[in-house]
Protein backbone atom coordinates (compact mmCIF):
# COMPACT_ATOMS: atom_id res chain seq x y z
CA MET A 1 -0.79 19.72 11.43
CA LYS A 2 -1.24 22.34 8.73
CA LEU A 3 -3.12 21.31 5.59
CA LEU A 4 -3.83 23.23 2.42
CA ILE A 5 -7.19 22.74 0.70
CA VAL A 6 -7.44 23.91 -2.91
CA GLU A 7 -11.09 23.76 -3.96
CA ASP A 8 -13.13 26.32 -5.93
CA ASP A 9 -16.55 24.97 -4.95
CA ILE A 10 -17.53 27.13 -1.98
CA MET A 11 -19.77 24.61 -0.25
CA MET A 12 -17.30 21.77 -0.74
CA GLY A 13 -14.34 23.85 0.39
CA ALA A 14 -16.08 25.18 3.49
CA GLY A 15 -17.31 21.70 4.41
CA LEU A 16 -13.87 20.17 4.01
CA GLN A 17 -12.23 22.89 6.07
CA ALA A 18 -14.73 22.49 8.90
CA ALA A 19 -14.54 18.69 8.92
CA LEU A 20 -10.74 18.54 8.82
CA ASN A 21 -10.40 21.22 11.48
CA ASN A 22 -12.75 19.21 13.69
CA ALA A 23 -10.52 16.18 13.10
CA GLY A 24 -7.56 18.04 14.59
CA PHE A 25 -5.94 19.53 11.49
CA ASP A 26 -5.16 23.21 10.96
CA CYS A 27 -6.57 23.93 7.49
CA GLN A 28 -6.09 26.84 5.13
CA TRP A 29 -8.43 26.96 2.15
CA VAL A 30 -7.90 28.72 -1.20
CA THR A 31 -9.99 28.57 -4.36
CA ASP A 32 -7.41 29.30 -7.07
CA GLY A 33 -4.46 27.28 -8.37
CA LYS A 34 -2.16 30.28 -8.77
CA GLU A 35 -3.00 31.50 -5.27
CA ALA A 36 -2.17 28.05 -3.92
CA PHE A 37 1.19 27.99 -5.69
CA GLU A 38 2.11 31.42 -4.33
CA LEU A 39 1.07 30.38 -0.83
CA LEU A 40 3.19 27.24 -1.00
CA GLN A 41 6.25 29.39 -1.67
CA LYS A 42 5.70 31.24 1.62
CA GLU A 43 4.28 28.68 4.05
CA SER A 44 4.85 25.04 4.98
CA PHE A 45 2.10 22.44 5.01
CA ARG A 46 2.03 18.75 5.93
CA ALA A 47 -0.24 17.81 3.00
CA MET A 48 -2.55 19.25 0.36
CA VAL A 49 -6.07 18.28 -0.74
CA LEU A 50 -6.27 19.34 -4.39
CA ASP A 51 -9.14 19.56 -6.86
CA ILE A 52 -8.44 19.14 -10.58
CA THR A 53 -10.71 21.81 -12.07
CA LEU A 54 -9.62 25.20 -10.74
CA PRO A 55 -9.56 28.79 -12.01
CA GLY A 56 -6.22 30.42 -12.76
CA MET A 57 -4.26 27.16 -12.82
CA ASP A 58 -5.84 23.72 -12.77
CA GLY A 59 -4.88 21.15 -10.18
CA LEU A 60 -2.79 18.98 -12.49
CA ALA A 61 -0.78 21.96 -13.73
CA LEU A 62 -0.17 23.04 -10.14
CA LEU A 63 0.89 19.53 -9.15
CA LYS A 64 3.30 19.18 -12.10
CA LEU A 65 4.82 22.56 -11.28
CA LEU A 66 5.39 21.55 -7.66
CA ARG A 67 6.96 18.22 -8.57
CA ALA A 68 9.19 19.85 -11.19
CA ALA A 69 10.42 22.20 -8.47
CA GLY A 70 11.33 19.22 -6.29
CA SER A 71 8.43 19.44 -3.83
CA THR A 72 7.65 16.22 -1.98
CA LEU A 73 4.50 17.59 -0.32
CA PRO A 74 1.93 14.76 0.05
CA VAL A 75 -0.96 15.52 -2.30
CA LEU A 76 -4.37 13.90 -2.25
CA MET A 77 -6.44 14.61 -5.35
CA LEU A 78 -10.13 15.03 -4.54
CA THR A 79 -12.25 15.28 -7.66
CA ALA A 80 -15.58 14.44 -9.23
CA ARG A 81 -13.75 12.55 -11.98
CA ASP A 82 -13.61 8.83 -11.23
CA THR A 83 -12.53 7.04 -14.39
CA THR A 84 -9.37 4.97 -14.61
CA PRO A 85 -7.75 7.39 -17.12
CA ASP A 86 -8.40 10.25 -14.68
CA LYS A 87 -6.71 8.35 -11.88
CA VAL A 88 -3.74 7.43 -14.07
CA MET A 89 -3.40 11.06 -15.14
CA CYS A 90 -3.36 12.22 -11.51
CA PHE A 91 -0.77 9.67 -10.42
CA ASP A 92 1.38 10.37 -13.48
CA SER A 93 1.31 14.05 -12.55
CA GLY A 94 2.67 13.26 -9.09
CA ALA A 95 -0.37 12.69 -6.89
CA ASP A 96 0.09 10.47 -3.83
CA ASP A 97 -3.55 9.45 -3.52
CA PHE A 98 -6.87 9.89 -5.31
CA LEU A 99 -10.43 10.06 -3.99
CA VAL A 100 -13.75 11.01 -5.53
CA LYS A 101 -15.79 13.75 -3.89
CA THR A 102 -18.47 11.31 -2.76
CA THR A 103 -15.95 9.60 -0.46
CA ASP A 104 -16.82 9.27 3.21
CA LEU A 105 -15.06 11.95 5.28
CA ASP A 106 -13.69 9.39 7.73
CA GLU A 107 -11.89 7.67 4.88
CA LEU A 108 -10.53 10.99 3.62
CA ILE A 109 -9.17 11.81 7.07
CA ALA A 110 -7.60 8.36 7.43
CA ARG A 111 -5.98 8.62 3.99
CA LEU A 112 -4.52 12.04 4.83
CA ARG A 113 -3.06 10.81 8.10
CA ALA A 114 -1.55 7.82 6.32
CA LEU A 115 0.02 10.07 3.67
CA ILE A 116 1.54 12.30 6.33
CA ARG A 117 2.95 9.34 8.23
CA ARG A 118 4.44 7.83 5.09
CA ALA A 119 6.08 11.15 4.32
CA GLY A 120 7.98 10.79 7.59
CA TYR A 121 6.22 13.51 9.57
CA VAL A 122 8.32 14.30 12.60
CA GLY A 123 7.07 16.61 15.28
CA ARG A 124 5.75 17.15 18.73
CA MET A 125 2.13 17.09 19.86
CA SER A 126 0.70 18.24 23.16
CA VAL A 127 -2.68 17.62 24.76
CA GLY A 128 -3.04 19.17 28.18
CA THR A 129 -0.05 18.05 30.25
CA LEU A 130 0.70 15.21 27.82
CA THR A 131 3.45 15.64 25.20
CA LEU A 132 4.49 13.18 22.49
CA ASP A 133 7.59 13.54 20.32
CA SER A 134 7.26 11.36 17.22
CA ASP A 135 10.95 11.73 16.38
CA THR A 136 12.48 10.61 19.67
CA LYS A 137 9.52 8.36 20.64
CA VAL A 138 9.37 10.15 23.99
CA VAL A 139 6.10 10.70 25.87
CA ILE A 140 5.96 12.99 28.90
CA LYS A 141 3.01 13.55 31.23
CA ASP A 142 3.08 16.06 34.07
CA GLY A 143 6.82 16.39 33.54
CA LYS A 144 7.44 12.66 33.94
CA LEU A 145 8.65 10.25 31.25
CA LEU A 146 6.17 7.47 30.40
CA ASN A 147 7.47 4.05 29.45
CA LEU A 148 5.32 2.91 26.52
CA SER A 149 5.61 -0.11 24.26
CA ASN A 150 5.81 0.52 20.50
CA ARG A 151 2.16 -0.35 20.02
CA GLU A 152 1.07 1.82 22.93
CA PHE A 153 3.04 4.68 21.38
CA GLU A 154 1.36 4.21 17.98
CA LEU A 155 -2.08 4.08 19.60
CA LEU A 156 -1.39 7.21 21.62
CA GLN A 157 -0.18 9.08 18.56
CA VAL A 158 -3.42 8.30 16.71
CA LEU A 159 -5.50 9.28 19.74
CA MET A 160 -3.58 12.55 20.18
CA GLU A 161 -3.97 13.44 16.49
CA GLY A 162 -7.73 13.36 17.04
CA ALA A 163 -7.85 14.51 20.66
CA GLY A 164 -11.40 15.25 21.76
CA GLN A 165 -12.81 13.20 18.88
CA VAL A 166 -14.04 9.61 18.93
CA ILE A 167 -11.46 7.44 17.16
CA ALA A 168 -13.03 4.34 15.66
CA ARG A 169 -11.85 0.90 16.77
CA SER A 170 -10.97 0.08 13.15
CA ARG A 171 -8.62 3.06 13.02
CA LEU A 172 -6.92 1.97 16.22
CA GLU A 173 -6.71 -1.64 15.06
CA GLU A 174 -4.89 -0.35 11.98
CA ALA A 175 -2.30 1.23 14.27
CA VAL A 176 -1.84 -2.08 16.13
CA PHE A 177 -2.09 -4.65 13.33
CA GLY A 178 -1.18 -2.57 10.24
CA PRO A 179 -3.20 -1.15 7.30
CA GLY A 180 -5.90 -3.39 5.91
CA ARG A 181 -5.48 -5.94 8.68
CA SER A 182 -7.58 -6.87 11.66
CA GLY A 183 -6.81 -8.95 14.68
CA ASP A 184 -8.11 -10.23 17.96
CA SER A 185 -10.09 -7.38 19.53
CA ASN A 186 -8.84 -8.53 22.94
CA VAL A 187 -5.31 -7.51 21.92
CA LEU A 188 -6.49 -3.95 21.27
CA GLU A 189 -8.33 -3.96 24.60
CA VAL A 190 -5.15 -5.01 26.41
CA HIS A 191 -3.14 -2.18 24.84
CA ILE A 192 -5.87 0.35 25.64
CA HIS A 193 -6.06 -0.94 29.21
CA ASN A 194 -2.29 -0.59 29.66
CA LEU A 195 -2.28 2.85 28.07
CA ARG A 196 -5.10 4.02 30.33
CA ASN A 197 -3.21 2.83 33.40
CA LYS A 198 -0.20 4.90 32.38
CA LEU A 199 -2.14 8.02 31.40
CA GLY A 200 -4.73 7.97 34.17
CA ASP A 201 -8.21 6.45 34.16
CA SER A 202 -10.03 9.61 33.13
CA SER A 203 -7.69 10.43 30.24
CA LEU A 204 -9.21 7.82 27.90
CA LYS A 205 -12.96 7.60 27.42
CA THR A 206 -14.59 4.48 25.99
CA VAL A 207 -17.48 5.03 23.57
CA ARG A 208 -19.08 1.62 23.57
CA GLY A 209 -19.44 0.00 20.18
CA VAL A 210 -17.61 2.86 18.47
CA GLY A 211 -14.12 3.56 19.79
CA TYR A 212 -12.15 5.72 22.19
CA THR A 213 -11.51 9.39 22.91
CA LEU A 214 -8.43 11.01 24.41
CA MET A 215 -9.76 13.84 26.53
CA LYS A 216 -8.30 17.23 25.60
CA GLN A 217 -7.88 18.25 29.22
CA SER A 218 -5.63 15.56 30.66
CA PRO A 219 -5.96 15.18 34.41
């Protein structure tokens, strides 16, 4: 999934790009508001991480310009400003979410994925011989159709988004029980067990006390 990062702080921008790329995104990073606007006219992105204070054109001006043009691109404002008036100003300008720069990266990644899902992202993902189509709800492995329950499908989608990375149990529980909710951990274990049986034992790795990893090279 292609993301656009608009951040003029070099260390912050480079760190965000590296972290989000490691989380399975395909990130492009620019440091100027005008450059970002021009890029958005040429290329498509699934979401944008946008700072407020930028050279050329500040983040709020860029956001207002995009919304006035009819853009529905999910935008997460990431800024050092953390007062209530700042948040209101961002949301009034058309932001979809707001985080301060001290936010944990795992939360940032989870928020971005949630924004993209709410925007109705439709597409196809592949990991090794495994392919998932989020539009048709079809999963194929080694050329064969897999019969997955709705919850197994949601779990697999989250695991494929972060293939090769350890996905925390809390993130997977969110996929099963819904945002902000938790449930019986045994239910998650049952879904993981069933999913592993359908994918192959070595496809899903358990990281005890942390979560699970979908191996990039499916057997």
